[in-house]
Amino acid sequence: MKANFKQLRSRLENEKKHVLEEIAQLQASAQPTEVRREGSPFGKREEEAIESLELERRLTMEKQMKEQLADIEYALSKFEKGTYGLCDSCGQPIAPGRLEVLPQANLCVNCKEKNAKGRVFPR
């Protein structure tokens, strides 16, 4: 199975546009609203807690989108350098199936596994 780099590049470019649109929507939704609900005995504190939770959720999503965008842009830069499809760690070709599933992959499966084994995950 041979990877179709032209098709993968097109997918990456489309995904980049999609992620940029999502980031713009998240940032647009960050505009504070001055609408306050009346009648709650906790009133403003309840509203502030909800706004804080929503802000935290939006910031987390925005961070994830920006990380995804960085991965996509890095993969696109590898096309320009002529290194797309090669593992950043060992330099060997990344399996076409892996690139089909994850076009922004920059490590082969073996190096990804080694990298994951070396990490300490919090409990």
PDB file of N, CA and C in Angstrom:
ATOM      1  N   MET A   1       0.845  -1.185   0.000  1.00  0.00           N
ATOM      2  CA  MET A   1       0.000   0.000   0.000  1.00  0.00           C
ATOM      3  C   MET A   1       0.882   1.238   0.000  1.00  0.00           C
ATOM      4  N   LYS A   2       0.683   2.107  -0.966  1.00  0.00           N
ATOM      5  CA  LYS A   2       1.477   3.318  -1.090  1.00  0.00           C
ATOM      6  C   LYS A   2       0.611   4.510  -0.725  1.00  0.00           C
ATOM      7  N   ALA A   3       1.172   5.421   0.067  1.00  0.00           N
ATOM      8  CA  ALA A   3       0.425   6.606   0.486  1.00  0.00           C
ATOM      9  C   ALA A   3       0.338   7.591  -0.677  1.00  0.00           C
ATOM     10  N   ASN A   4      -0.823   8.185  -0.854  1.00  0.00           N
ATOM     11  CA  ASN A   4      -1.031   9.215  -1.863  1.00  0.00           C
ATOM     12  C   ASN A   4      -0.765  10.565  -1.195  1.00  0.00           C
ATOM     13  N   PHE A   5       0.479  11.053  -1.324  1.00  0.00           N
ATOM     14  CA  PHE A   5       0.886  12.270  -0.625  1.00  0.00           C
ATOM     15  C   PHE A   5       0.085  13.495  -1.067  1.00  0.00           C
ATOM     16  N   LYS A   6      -0.290  13.555  -2.327  1.00  0.00           N
ATOM     17  CA  LYS A   6      -1.064  14.696  -2.825  1.00  0.00           C
ATOM     18  C   LYS A   6      -2.417  14.754  -2.113  1.00  0.00           C
ATOM     19  N   GLN A   7      -3.038  13.591  -1.988  1.00  0.00           N
ATOM     20  CA  GLN A   7      -4.332  13.517  -1.309  1.00  0.00           C
ATOM     21  C   GLN A   7      -4.180  13.828   0.183  1.00  0.00           C
ATOM     22  N   LEU A   8      -3.112  13.327   0.796  1.00  0.00           N
ATOM     23  CA  LEU A   8      -2.889  13.590   2.220  1.00  0.00           C
ATOM     24  C   LEU A   8      -2.639  15.073   2.463  1.00  0.00           C
ATOM     25  N   ARG A   9      -1.892  15.712   1.577  1.00  0.00           N
ATOM     26  CA  ARG A   9      -1.633  17.147   1.717  1.00  0.00           C
ATOM     27  C   ARG A   9      -2.939  17.931   1.611  1.00  0.00           C
ATOM     28  N   SER A  10      -3.783  17.544   0.686  1.00  0.00           N
ATOM     29  CA  SER A  10      -5.080  18.198   0.529  1.00  0.00           C
ATOM     30  C   SER A  10      -5.923  18.040   1.793  1.00  0.00           C
ATOM     31  N   ARG A  11      -5.909  16.844   2.367  1.00  0.00           N
ATOM     32  CA  ARG A  11      -6.643  16.609   3.624  1.00  0.00           C
ATOM     33  C   ARG A  11      -6.108  17.493   4.740  1.00  0.00           C
ATOM     34  N   LEU A  12      -4.784  17.616   4.820  1.00  0.00           N
ATOM     35  CA  LEU A  12      -4.175  18.464   5.847  1.00  0.00           C
ATOM     36  C   LEU A  12      -4.567  19.926   5.650  1.00  0.00           C
ATOM     37  N   GLU A  13      -4.546  20.396   4.414  1.00  0.00           N
ATOM     38  CA  GLU A  13      -4.917  21.787   4.147  1.00  0.00           C
ATOM     39  C   GLU A  13      -6.379  22.045   4.490  1.00  0.00           C
ATOM     40  N   ASN A  14      -7.258  21.098   4.163  1.00  0.00           N
ATOM     41  CA  ASN A  14      -8.675  21.230   4.512  1.00  0.00           C
ATOM     42  C   ASN A  14      -8.872  21.202   6.018  1.00  0.00           C
ATOM     43  N   GLU A  15      -8.150  20.323   6.693  1.00  0.00           N
ATOM     44  CA  GLU A  15      -8.258  20.237   8.148  1.00  0.00           C
ATOM     45  C   GLU A  15      -7.743  21.519   8.798  1.00  0.00           C
ATOM     46  N   LYS A  16      -6.706  22.100   8.231  1.00  0.00           N
ATOM     47  CA  LYS A  16      -6.179  23.368   8.755  1.00  0.00           C
ATOM     48  C   LYS A  16      -7.252  24.458   8.687  1.00  0.00           C
ATOM     49  N   LYS A  17      -7.937  24.552   7.546  1.00  0.00           N
ATOM     50  CA  LYS A  17      -9.020  25.536   7.400  1.00  0.00           C
ATOM     51  C   LYS A  17     -10.110  25.292   8.434  1.00  0.00           C
ATOM     52  N   HIS A  18     -10.471  24.027   8.604  1.00  0.00           N
ATOM     53  CA  HIS A  18     -11.532  23.660   9.556  1.00  0.00           C
ATOM     54  C   HIS A  18     -11.131  24.036  10.985  1.00  0.00           C
ATOM     55  N   VAL A  19      -9.901  23.733  11.370  1.00  0.00           N
ATOM     56  CA  VAL A  19      -9.436  24.036  12.726  1.00  0.00           C
ATOM     57  C   VAL A  19      -9.374  25.548  12.941  1.00  0.00           C
ATOM     58  N   LEU A  20      -8.909  26.294  11.938  1.00  0.00           N
ATOM     59  CA  LEU A  20      -8.870  27.760  12.053  1.00  0.00           C
ATOM     60  C   LEU A  20     -10.274  28.332  12.242  1.00  0.00           C
ATOM     61  N   GLU A  21     -11.257  27.777  11.541  1.00  0.00           N
ATOM     62  CA  GLU A  21     -12.649  28.212  11.704  1.00  0.00           C
ATOM     63  C   GLU A  21     -13.155  27.906  13.110  1.00  0.00           C
ATOM     64  N   GLU A  22     -12.832  26.727  13.618  1.00  0.00           N
ATOM     65  CA  GLU A  22     -13.265  26.359  14.969  1.00  0.00           C
ATOM     66  C   GLU A  22     -12.630  27.274  16.022  1.00  0.00           C
ATOM     67  N   ILE A  23     -11.355  27.594  15.844  1.00  0.00           N
ATOM     68  CA  ILE A  23     -10.679  28.494  16.783  1.00  0.00           C
ATOM     69  C   ILE A  23     -11.345  29.871  16.747  1.00  0.00           C
ATOM     70  N   ALA A  24     -11.653  30.354  15.550  1.00  0.00           N
ATOM     71  CA  ALA A  24     -12.310  31.657  15.410  1.00  0.00           C
ATOM     72  C   ALA A  24     -13.675  31.652  16.096  1.00  0.00           C
ATOM     73  N   GLN A  25     -14.416  30.553  15.949  1.00  0.00           N
ATOM     74  CA  GLN A  25     -15.726  30.453  16.601  1.00  0.00           C
ATOM     75  C   GLN A  25     -15.589  30.442  18.120  1.00  0.00           C
ATOM     76  N   LEU A  26     -14.586  29.707  18.619  1.00  0.00           N
ATOM     77  CA  LEU A  26     -14.366  29.674  20.069  1.00  0.00           C
ATOM     78  C   LEU A  26     -14.005  31.055  20.594  1.00  0.00           C
ATOM     79  N   GLN A  27     -13.158  31.762  19.875  1.00  0.00           N
ATOM     80  CA  GLN A  27     -12.745  33.092  20.310  1.00  0.00           C
ATOM     81  C   GLN A  27     -13.907  34.074  20.232  1.00  0.00           C
ATOM     82  N   ALA A  28     -14.756  33.935  19.226  1.00  0.00           N
ATOM     83  CA  ALA A  28     -15.922  34.804  19.103  1.00  0.00           C
ATOM     84  C   ALA A  28     -16.913  34.553  20.234  1.00  0.00           C
ATOM     85  N   SER A  29     -16.997  33.313  20.671  1.00  0.00           N
ATOM     86  CA  SER A  29     -17.928  32.985  21.756  1.00  0.00           C
ATOM     87  C   SER A  29     -17.413  33.455  23.104  1.00  0.00           C
ATOM     88  N   ALA A  30     -16.199  33.976  23.142  1.00  0.00           N
ATOM     89  CA  ALA A  30     -15.604  34.419  24.397  1.00  0.00           C
ATOM     90  C   ALA A  30     -16.103  35.789  24.816  1.00  0.00           C
ATOM     91  N   GLN A  31     -16.853  36.454  23.949  1.00  0.00           N
ATOM     92  CA  GLN A  31     -17.348  37.775  24.290  1.00  0.00           C
ATOM     93  C   GLN A  31     -18.281  37.663  25.497  1.00  0.00           C
ATOM     94  N   PRO A  32     -18.007  38.428  26.544  1.00  0.00           N
ATOM     95  CA  PRO A  32     -18.826  38.324  27.749  1.00  0.00           C
ATOM     96  C   PRO A  32     -20.257  38.798  27.509  1.00  0.00           C
ATOM     97  N   THR A  33     -21.166  38.119  28.142  1.00  0.00           N
ATOM     98  CA  THR A  33     -22.565  38.520  28.047  1.00  0.00           C
ATOM     99  C   THR A  33     -22.954  39.202  29.343  1.00  0.00           C
ATOM    100  N   GLU A  34     -23.762  40.197  29.229  1.00  0.00           N
ATOM    101  CA  GLU A  34     -24.185  40.954  30.404  1.00  0.00           C
ATOM    102  C   GLU A  34     -25.585  40.557  30.856  1.00  0.00           C
ATOM    103  N   VAL A  35     -26.088  39.461  30.322  1.00  0.00           N
ATOM    104  CA  VAL A  35     -27.417  39.005  30.695  1.00  0.00           C
ATOM    105  C   VAL A  35     -27.321  38.280  32.036  1.00  0.00           C
ATOM    106  N   ARG A  36     -28.074  38.723  32.979  1.00  0.00           N
ATOM    107  CA  ARG A  36     -28.090  38.118  34.317  1.00  0.00           C
ATOM    108  C   ARG A  36     -29.482  37.562  34.594  1.00  0.00           C
ATOM    109  N   ARG A  37     -29.501  36.370  35.179  1.00  0.00           N
ATOM    110  CA  ARG A  37     -30.776  35.786  35.565  1.00  0.00           C
ATOM    111  C   ARG A  37     -31.164  36.319  36.936  1.00  0.00           C
ATOM    112  N   GLU A  38     -32.427  36.568  37.096  1.00  0.00           N
ATOM    113  CA  GLU A  38     -32.935  37.062  38.378  1.00  0.00           C
ATOM    114  C   GLU A  38     -33.650  35.926  39.102  1.00  0.00           C
ATOM    115  N   GLY A  39     -33.754  36.057  40.383  1.00  0.00           N
ATOM    116  CA  GLY A  39     -34.550  35.124  41.150  1.00  0.00           C
ATOM    117  C   GLY A  39     -33.756  34.088  41.918  1.00  0.00           C
ATOM    118  N   SER A  40     -32.518  33.861  41.599  1.00  0.00           N
ATOM    119  CA  SER A  40     -31.726  32.881  42.322  1.00  0.00           C
ATOM    120  C   SER A  40     -31.188  33.516  43.593  1.00  0.00           C
ATOM    121  N   PRO A  41     -31.268  32.811  44.730  1.00  0.00           N
ATOM    122  CA  PRO A  41     -30.745  33.391  45.974  1.00  0.00           C
ATOM    123  C   PRO A  41     -29.227  33.587  45.922  1.00  0.00           C
ATOM    124  N   PHE A  42     -28.547  32.868  45.029  1.00  0.00           N
ATOM    125  CA  PHE A  42     -27.101  32.997  44.924  1.00  0.00           C
ATOM    126  C   PHE A  42     -26.712  33.990  43.828  1.00  0.00           C
ATOM    127  N   GLY A  43     -27.661  34.307  42.979  1.00  0.00           N
ATOM    128  CA  GLY A  43     -27.519  35.320  41.950  1.00  0.00           C
ATOM    129  C   GLY A  43     -26.178  35.394  41.265  1.00  0.00           C
ATOM    130  N   LYS A  44     -25.458  36.434  41.569  1.00  0.00           N
ATOM    131  CA  LYS A  44     -24.217  36.751  40.861  1.00  0.00           C
ATOM    132  C   LYS A  44     -23.147  35.674  41.045  1.00  0.00           C
ATOM    133  N   ARG A  45     -23.033  35.109  42.234  1.00  0.00           N
ATOM    134  CA  ARG A  45     -22.009  34.070  42.460  1.00  0.00           C
ATOM    135  C   ARG A  45     -22.261  32.839  41.600  1.00  0.00           C
ATOM    136  N   GLU A  46     -23.520  32.454  41.487  1.00  0.00           N
ATOM    137  CA  GLU A  46     -23.881  31.314  40.652  1.00  0.00           C
ATOM    138  C   GLU A  46     -23.535  31.604  39.189  1.00  0.00           C
ATOM    139  N   GLU A  47     -23.878  32.789  38.741  1.00  0.00           N
ATOM    140  CA  GLU A  47     -23.586  33.195  37.361  1.00  0.00           C
ATOM    141  C   GLU A  47     -22.075  33.198  37.112  1.00  0.00           C
ATOM    142  N   GLU A  48     -21.316  33.727  38.053  1.00  0.00           N
ATOM    143  CA  GLU A  48     -19.864  33.796  37.898  1.00  0.00           C
ATOM    144  C   GLU A  48     -19.243  32.401  37.865  1.00  0.00           C
ATOM    145  N   ALA A  49     -19.777  31.490  38.661  1.00  0.00           N
ATOM    146  CA  ALA A  49     -19.273  30.112  38.666  1.00  0.00           C
ATOM    147  C   ALA A  49     -19.532  29.451  37.322  1.00  0.00           C
ATOM    148  N   ILE A  50     -20.716  29.663  36.779  1.00  0.00           N
ATOM    149  CA  ILE A  50     -21.051  29.092  35.476  1.00  0.00           C
ATOM    150  C   ILE A  50     -20.156  29.697  34.397  1.00  0.00           C
ATOM    151  N   GLU A  51     -19.982  31.016  34.436  1.00  0.00           N
ATOM    152  CA  GLU A  51     -19.118  31.681  33.449  1.00  0.00           C
ATOM    153  C   GLU A  51     -17.683  31.194  33.557  1.00  0.00           C
ATOM    154  N   SER A  52     -17.220  30.989  34.773  1.00  0.00           N
ATOM    155  CA  SER A  52     -15.858  30.507  34.986  1.00  0.00           C
ATOM    156  C   SER A  52     -15.685  29.104  34.414  1.00  0.00           C
ATOM    157  N   LEU A  53     -16.654  28.244  34.656  1.00  0.00           N
ATOM    158  CA  LEU A  53     -16.618  26.884  34.128  1.00  0.00           C
ATOM    159  C   LEU A  53     -16.635  26.890  32.599  1.00  0.00           C
ATOM    160  N   GLU A  54     -17.488  27.725  32.026  1.00  0.00           N
ATOM    161  CA  GLU A  54     -17.570  27.821  30.570  1.00  0.00           C
ATOM    162  C   GLU A  54     -16.269  28.372  29.982  1.00  0.00           C
ATOM    163  N   LEU A  55     -15.663  29.344  30.646  1.00  0.00           N
ATOM    164  CA  LEU A  55     -14.400  29.911  30.192  1.00  0.00           C
ATOM    165  C   LEU A  55     -13.302  28.850  30.225  1.00  0.00           C
ATOM    166  N   GLU A  56     -13.245  28.093  31.305  1.00  0.00           N
ATOM    167  CA  GLU A  56     -12.237  27.031  31.430  1.00  0.00           C
ATOM    168  C   GLU A  56     -12.414  25.988  30.325  1.00  0.00           C
ATOM    169  N   ARG A  57     -13.636  25.604  30.061  1.00  0.00           N
ATOM    170  CA  ARG A  57     -13.927  24.628  29.007  1.00  0.00           C
ATOM    171  C   ARG A  57     -13.522  25.176  27.640  1.00  0.00           C
ATOM    172  N   ARG A  58     -13.865  26.435  27.373  1.00  0.00           N
ATOM    173  CA  ARG A  58     -13.527  27.050  26.090  1.00  0.00           C
ATOM    174  C   ARG A  58     -12.019  27.170  25.917  1.00  0.00           C
ATOM    175  N   LEU A  59     -11.317  27.569  26.982  1.00  0.00           N
ATOM    176  CA  LEU A  59      -9.863  27.696  26.902  1.00  0.00           C
ATOM    177  C   LEU A  59      -9.186  26.344  26.670  1.00  0.00           C
ATOM    178  N   THR A  60      -9.702  25.304  27.297  1.00  0.00           N
ATOM    179  CA  THR A  60      -9.168  23.951  27.093  1.00  0.00           C
ATOM    180  C   THR A  60      -9.366  23.525  25.644  1.00  0.00           C
ATOM    181  N   MET A  61     -10.565  23.756  25.122  1.00  0.00           N
ATOM    182  CA  MET A  61     -10.842  23.392  23.729  1.00  0.00           C
ATOM    183  C   MET A  61      -9.962  24.207  22.780  1.00  0.00           C
ATOM    184  N   GLU A  62      -9.802  25.490  23.073  1.00  0.00           N
ATOM    185  CA  GLU A  62      -8.970  26.350  22.227  1.00  0.00           C
ATOM    186  C   GLU A  62      -7.513  25.883  22.240  1.00  0.00           C
ATOM    187  N   LYS A  63      -7.029  25.490  23.410  1.00  0.00           N
ATOM    188  CA  LYS A  63      -5.654  24.986  23.514  1.00  0.00           C
ATOM    189  C   LYS A  63      -5.482  23.720  22.678  1.00  0.00           C
ATOM    190  N   GLN A  64      -6.442  22.802  22.773  1.00  0.00           N
ATOM    191  CA  GLN A  64      -6.385  21.566  21.993  1.00  0.00           C
ATOM    192  C   GLN A  64      -6.413  21.859  20.490  1.00  0.00           C
ATOM    193  N   MET A  65      -7.253  22.812  20.087  1.00  0.00           N
ATOM    194  CA  MET A  65      -7.341  23.177  18.670  1.00  0.00           C
ATOM    195  C   MET A  65      -6.019  23.789  18.188  1.00  0.00           C
ATOM    196  N   LYS A  66      -5.402  24.615  19.018  1.00  0.00           N
ATOM    197  CA  LYS A  66      -4.133  25.241  18.635  1.00  0.00           C
ATOM    198  C   LYS A  66      -3.013  24.196  18.543  1.00  0.00           C
ATOM    199  N   GLU A  67      -3.035  23.205  19.425  1.00  0.00           N
ATOM    200  CA  GLU A  67      -2.051  22.120  19.342  1.00  0.00           C
ATOM    201  C   GLU A  67      -2.255  21.311  18.069  1.00  0.00           C
ATOM    202  N   GLN A  68      -3.512  21.040  17.741  1.00  0.00           N
ATOM    203  CA  GLN A  68      -3.831  20.312  16.519  1.00  0.00           C
ATOM    204  C   GLN A  68      -3.386  21.124  15.302  1.00  0.00           C
ATOM    205  N   LEU A  69      -3.613  22.436  15.334  1.00  0.00           N
ATOM    206  CA  LEU A  69      -3.192  23.307  14.238  1.00  0.00           C
ATOM    207  C   LEU A  69      -1.671  23.284  14.077  1.00  0.00           C
ATOM    208  N   ALA A  70      -0.962  23.317  15.187  1.00  0.00           N
ATOM    209  CA  ALA A  70       0.506  23.276  15.135  1.00  0.00           C
ATOM    210  C   ALA A  70       0.987  21.965  14.510  1.00  0.00           C
ATOM    211  N   ASP A  71       0.347  20.853  14.860  1.00  0.00           N
ATOM    212  CA  ASP A  71       0.710  19.553  14.273  1.00  0.00           C
ATOM    213  C   ASP A  71       0.470  19.545  12.760  1.00  0.00           C
ATOM    214  N   ILE A  72      -0.645  20.117  12.346  1.00  0.00           N
ATOM    215  CA  ILE A  72      -0.986  20.163  10.919  1.00  0.00           C
ATOM    216  C   ILE A  72       0.006  21.054  10.180  1.00  0.00           C
ATOM    217  N   GLU A  73       0.289  22.219  10.748  1.00  0.00           N
ATOM    218  CA  GLU A  73       1.238  23.134  10.099  1.00  0.00           C
ATOM    219  C   GLU A  73       2.632  22.512  10.016  1.00  0.00           C
ATOM    220  N   TYR A  74       3.021  21.770  11.032  1.00  0.00           N
ATOM    221  CA  TYR A  74       4.313  21.093  11.013  1.00  0.00           C
ATOM    222  C   TYR A  74       4.353  20.051   9.891  1.00  0.00           C
ATOM    223  N   ALA A  75       3.274  19.278   9.761  1.00  0.00           N
ATOM    224  CA  ALA A  75       3.205  18.269   8.696  1.00  0.00           C
ATOM    225  C   ALA A  75       3.280  18.943   7.329  1.00  0.00           C
ATOM    226  N   LEU A  76       2.574  20.063   7.163  1.00  0.00           N
ATOM    227  CA  LEU A  76       2.620  20.780   5.893  1.00  0.00           C
ATOM    228  C   LEU A  76       4.024  21.324   5.625  1.00  0.00           C
ATOM    229  N   SER A  77       4.733  21.744   6.663  1.00  0.00           N
ATOM    230  CA  SER A  77       6.104  22.234   6.475  1.00  0.00           C
ATOM    231  C   SER A  77       7.031  21.094   6.038  1.00  0.00           C
ATOM    232  N   LYS A  78       6.719  19.875   6.487  1.00  0.00           N
ATOM    233  CA  LYS A  78       7.524  18.724   6.073  1.00  0.00           C
ATOM    234  C   LYS A  78       7.358  18.452   4.573  1.00  0.00           C
ATOM    235  N   PHE A  79       6.194  18.779   4.017  1.00  0.00           N
ATOM    236  CA  PHE A  79       6.014  18.667   2.566  1.00  0.00           C
ATOM    237  C   PHE A  79       6.987  19.610   1.863  1.00  0.00           C
ATOM    238  N   GLU A  80       7.087  20.836   2.384  1.00  0.00           N
ATOM    239  CA  GLU A  80       7.972  21.837   1.779  1.00  0.00           C
ATOM    240  C   GLU A  80       9.437  21.401   1.854  1.00  0.00           C
ATOM    241  N   LYS A  81       9.810  20.742   2.931  1.00  0.00           N
ATOM    242  CA  LYS A  81      11.198  20.292   3.120  1.00  0.00           C
ATOM    243  C   LYS A  81      11.488  18.979   2.402  1.00  0.00           C
ATOM    244  N   GLY A  82      10.425  18.319   1.958  1.00  0.00           N
ATOM    245  CA  GLY A  82      10.610  17.023   1.299  1.00  0.00           C
ATOM    246  C   GLY A  82      10.790  15.875   2.278  1.00  0.00           C
ATOM    247  N   THR A  83      10.394  16.072   3.527  1.00  0.00           N
ATOM    248  CA  THR A  83      10.564  15.036   4.545  1.00  0.00           C
ATOM    249  C   THR A  83       9.234  14.451   5.021  1.00  0.00           C
ATOM    250  N   TYR A  84       8.133  14.840   4.366  1.00  0.00           N
ATOM    251  CA  TYR A  84       6.841  14.306   4.795  1.00  0.00           C
ATOM    252  C   TYR A  84       6.834  12.791   4.611  1.00  0.00           C
ATOM    253  N   GLY A  85       6.277  12.108   5.591  1.00  0.00           N
ATOM    254  CA  GLY A  85       6.186  10.648   5.526  1.00  0.00           C
ATOM    255  C   GLY A  85       7.379   9.942   6.135  1.00  0.00           C
ATOM    256  N   LEU A  86       8.359  10.724   6.607  1.00  0.00           N
ATOM    257  CA  LEU A  86       9.526  10.134   7.274  1.00  0.00           C
ATOM    258  C   LEU A  86       9.442  10.406   8.768  1.00  0.00           C
ATOM    259  N   CYS A  87       9.807   9.419   9.550  1.00  0.00           N
ATOM    260  CA  CYS A  87       9.782   9.520  11.004  1.00  0.00           C
ATOM    261  C   CYS A  87      10.799  10.562  11.473  1.00  0.00           C
ATOM    262  N   ASP A  88      10.375  11.452  12.364  1.00  0.00           N
ATOM    263  CA  ASP A  88      11.270  12.473  12.908  1.00  0.00           C
ATOM    264  C   ASP A  88      12.350  11.877  13.796  1.00  0.00           C
ATOM    265  N   SER A  89      12.095  10.713  14.336  1.00  0.00           N
ATOM    266  CA  SER A  89      13.045  10.105  15.265  1.00  0.00           C
ATOM    267  C   SER A  89      14.078   9.229  14.558  1.00  0.00           C
ATOM    268  N   CYS A  90      13.599   8.260  13.763  1.00  0.00           N
ATOM    269  CA  CYS A  90      14.528   7.302  13.151  1.00  0.00           C
ATOM    270  C   CYS A  90      14.784   7.552  11.669  1.00  0.00           C
ATOM    271  N   GLY A  91      13.974   8.402  11.049  1.00  0.00           N
ATOM    272  CA  GLY A  91      14.164   8.722   9.641  1.00  0.00           C
ATOM    273  C   GLY A  91      13.576   7.710   8.668  1.00  0.00           C
ATOM    274  N   GLN A  92      12.998   6.642   9.178  1.00  0.00           N
ATOM    275  CA  GLN A  92      12.393   5.611   8.333  1.00  0.00           C
ATOM    276  C   GLN A  92      11.010   6.074   7.863  1.00  0.00           C
ATOM    277  N   PRO A  93      10.526   5.515   6.742  1.00  0.00           N
ATOM    278  CA  PRO A  93       9.187   5.883   6.270  1.00  0.00           C
ATOM    279  C   PRO A  93       8.106   5.479   7.283  1.00  0.00           C
ATOM    280  N   ILE A  94       7.127   6.350   7.426  1.00  0.00           N
ATOM    281  CA  ILE A  94       5.964   6.066   8.270  1.00  0.00           C
ATOM    282  C   ILE A  94       5.013   5.218   7.431  1.00  0.00           C
ATOM    283  N   ALA A  95       4.450   4.186   8.026  1.00  0.00           N
ATOM    284  CA  ALA A  95       3.543   3.272   7.312  1.00  0.00           C
ATOM    285  C   ALA A  95       2.414   4.054   6.647  1.00  0.00           C
ATOM    286  N   PRO A  96       2.125   3.773   5.374  1.00  0.00           N
ATOM    287  CA  PRO A  96       1.053   4.474   4.669  1.00  0.00           C
ATOM    288  C   PRO A  96      -0.289   4.405   5.402  1.00  0.00           C
ATOM    289  N   GLY A  97      -0.578   3.265   6.019  1.00  0.00           N
ATOM    290  CA  GLY A  97      -1.831   3.137   6.769  1.00  0.00           C
ATOM    291  C   GLY A  97      -1.907   4.118   7.926  1.00  0.00           C
ATOM    292  N   ARG A  98      -0.786   4.331   8.583  1.00  0.00           N
ATOM    293  CA  ARG A  98      -0.752   5.300   9.693  1.00  0.00           C
ATOM    294  C   ARG A  98      -0.999   6.710   9.176  1.00  0.00           C
ATOM    295  N   LEU A  99      -0.396   7.045   8.042  1.00  0.00           N
ATOM    296  CA  LEU A  99      -0.593   8.377   7.466  1.00  0.00           C
ATOM    297  C   LEU A  99      -2.026   8.563   6.979  1.00  0.00           C
ATOM    298  N   GLU A 100      -2.649   7.490   6.498  1.00  0.00           N
ATOM    299  CA  GLU A 100      -4.049   7.580   6.070  1.00  0.00           C
ATOM    300  C   GLU A 100      -4.947   7.920   7.252  1.00  0.00           C
ATOM    301  N   VAL A 101      -4.666   7.308   8.394  1.00  0.00           N
ATOM    302  CA  VAL A 101      -5.473   7.532   9.594  1.00  0.00           C
ATOM    303  C   VAL A 101      -5.131   8.875  10.241  1.00  0.00           C
ATOM    304  N   LEU A 102      -3.846   9.200  10.272  1.00  0.00           N
ATOM    305  CA  LEU A 102      -3.374  10.406  10.955  1.00  0.00           C
ATOM    306  C   LEU A 102      -2.347  11.110  10.059  1.00  0.00           C
ATOM    307  N   PRO A 103      -2.827  11.912   9.091  1.00  0.00           N
ATOM    308  CA  PRO A 103      -1.906  12.525   8.127  1.00  0.00           C
ATOM    309  C   PRO A 103      -0.826  13.401   8.759  1.00  0.00           C
ATOM    310  N   GLN A 104      -1.071  13.907   9.965  1.00  0.00           N
ATOM    311  CA  GLN A 104      -0.072  14.752  10.619  1.00  0.00           C
ATOM    312  C   GLN A 104       0.906  13.951  11.482  1.00  0.00           C
ATOM    313  N   ALA A 105       0.871  12.635  11.385  1.00  0.00           N
ATOM    314  CA  ALA A 105       1.798  11.796  12.159  1.00  0.00           C
ATOM    315  C   ALA A 105       3.234  12.135  11.781  1.00  0.00           C
ATOM    316  N   ASN A 106       4.080  12.282  12.808  1.00  0.00           N
ATOM    317  CA  ASN A 106       5.487  12.594  12.535  1.00  0.00           C
ATOM    318  C   ASN A 106       6.430  11.524  13.082  1.00  0.00           C
ATOM    319  N   LEU A 107       5.856  10.468  13.663  1.00  0.00           N
ATOM    320  CA  LEU A 107       6.648   9.349  14.165  1.00  0.00           C
ATOM    321  C   LEU A 107       6.078   8.046  13.615  1.00  0.00           C
ATOM    322  N   CYS A 108       6.965   7.100  13.318  1.00  0.00           N
ATOM    323  CA  CYS A 108       6.499   5.771  12.929  1.00  0.00           C
ATOM    324  C   CYS A 108       5.918   5.093  14.172  1.00  0.00           C
ATOM    325  N   VAL A 109       5.237   4.002  13.990  1.00  0.00           N
ATOM    326  CA  VAL A 109       4.590   3.306  15.108  1.00  0.00           C
ATOM    327  C   VAL A 109       5.620   2.881  16.156  1.00  0.00           C
ATOM    328  N   ASN A 110       6.763   2.340  15.719  1.00  0.00           N
ATOM    329  CA  ASN A 110       7.785   1.885  16.675  1.00  0.00           C
ATOM    330  C   ASN A 110       8.295   3.031  17.541  1.00  0.00           C
ATOM    331  N   CYS A 111       8.615   4.151  16.912  1.00  0.00           N
ATOM    332  CA  CYS A 111       9.133   5.295  17.674  1.00  0.00           C
ATOM    333  C   CYS A 111       8.049   5.902  18.563  1.00  0.00           C
ATOM    334  N   LYS A 112       6.807   5.909  18.096  1.00  0.00           N
ATOM    335  CA  LYS A 112       5.698   6.418  18.903  1.00  0.00           C
ATOM    336  C   LYS A 112       5.531   5.561  20.154  1.00  0.00           C
ATOM    337  N   GLU A 113       5.625   4.241  19.991  1.00  0.00           N
ATOM    338  CA  GLU A 113       5.521   3.337  21.139  1.00  0.00           C
ATOM    339  C   GLU A 113       6.675   3.561  22.113  1.00  0.00           C
ATOM    340  N   LYS A 114       7.887   3.704  21.595  1.00  0.00           N
ATOM    341  CA  LYS A 114       9.047   3.959  22.463  1.00  0.00           C
ATOM    342  C   LYS A 114       8.875   5.269  23.208  1.00  0.00           C
ATOM    343  N   ASN A 115       8.386   6.276  22.506  1.00  0.00           N
ATOM    344  CA  ASN A 115       8.160   7.585  23.107  1.00  0.00           C
ATOM    345  C   ASN A 115       7.111   7.499  24.217  1.00  0.00           C
ATOM    346  N   ALA A 116       6.044   6.758  23.977  1.00  0.00           N
ATOM    347  CA  ALA A 116       4.974   6.616  24.961  1.00  0.00           C
ATOM    348  C   ALA A 116       5.443   5.822  26.182  1.00  0.00           C
ATOM    349  N   LYS A 117       6.298   4.816  25.960  1.00  0.00           N
ATOM    350  CA  LYS A 117       6.799   4.008  27.082  1.00  0.00           C
ATOM    351  C   LYS A 117       7.717   4.809  27.982  1.00  0.00           C
ATOM    352  N   GLY A 118       8.399   5.790  27.419  1.00  0.00           N
ATOM    353  CA  GLY A 118       9.314   6.595  28.208  1.00  0.00           C
ATOM    354  C   GLY A 118       8.635   7.668  29.036  1.00  0.00           C
ATOM    355  N   ARG A 119       7.367   7.882  28.790  1.00  0.00           N
ATOM    356  CA  ARG A 119       6.612   8.908  29.519  1.00  0.00           C
ATOM    357  C   ARG A 119       6.063   8.352  30.822  1.00  0.00           C
ATOM    358  N   VAL A 120       5.960   9.229  31.781  1.00  0.00           N
ATOM    359  CA  VAL A 120       5.313   8.879  33.046  1.00  0.00           C
ATOM    360  C   VAL A 120       3.984   9.582  33.065  1.00  0.00           C
ATOM    361  N   PHE A 121       2.926   8.813  33.137  1.00  0.00           N
ATOM    362  CA  PHE A 121       1.595   9.374  33.133  1.00  0.00           C
ATOM    363  C   PHE A 121       1.090   9.538  34.572  1.00  0.00           C
ATOM    364  N   PRO A 122       0.463  10.692  34.855  1.00  0.00           N
ATOM    365  CA  PRO A 122      -0.071  10.895  36.203  1.00  0.00           C
ATOM    366  C   PRO A 122      -1.195   9.926  36.498  1.00  0.00           C
ATOM    367  N   ARG A 123      -1.320   9.576  37.755  1.00  0.00           N
ATOM    368  CA  ARG A 123      -2.389   8.657  38.156  1.00  0.00           C
ATOM    369  C   ARG A 123      -3.648   9.402  38.482  1.00  0.00           C
TER     370      ARG A 123
END
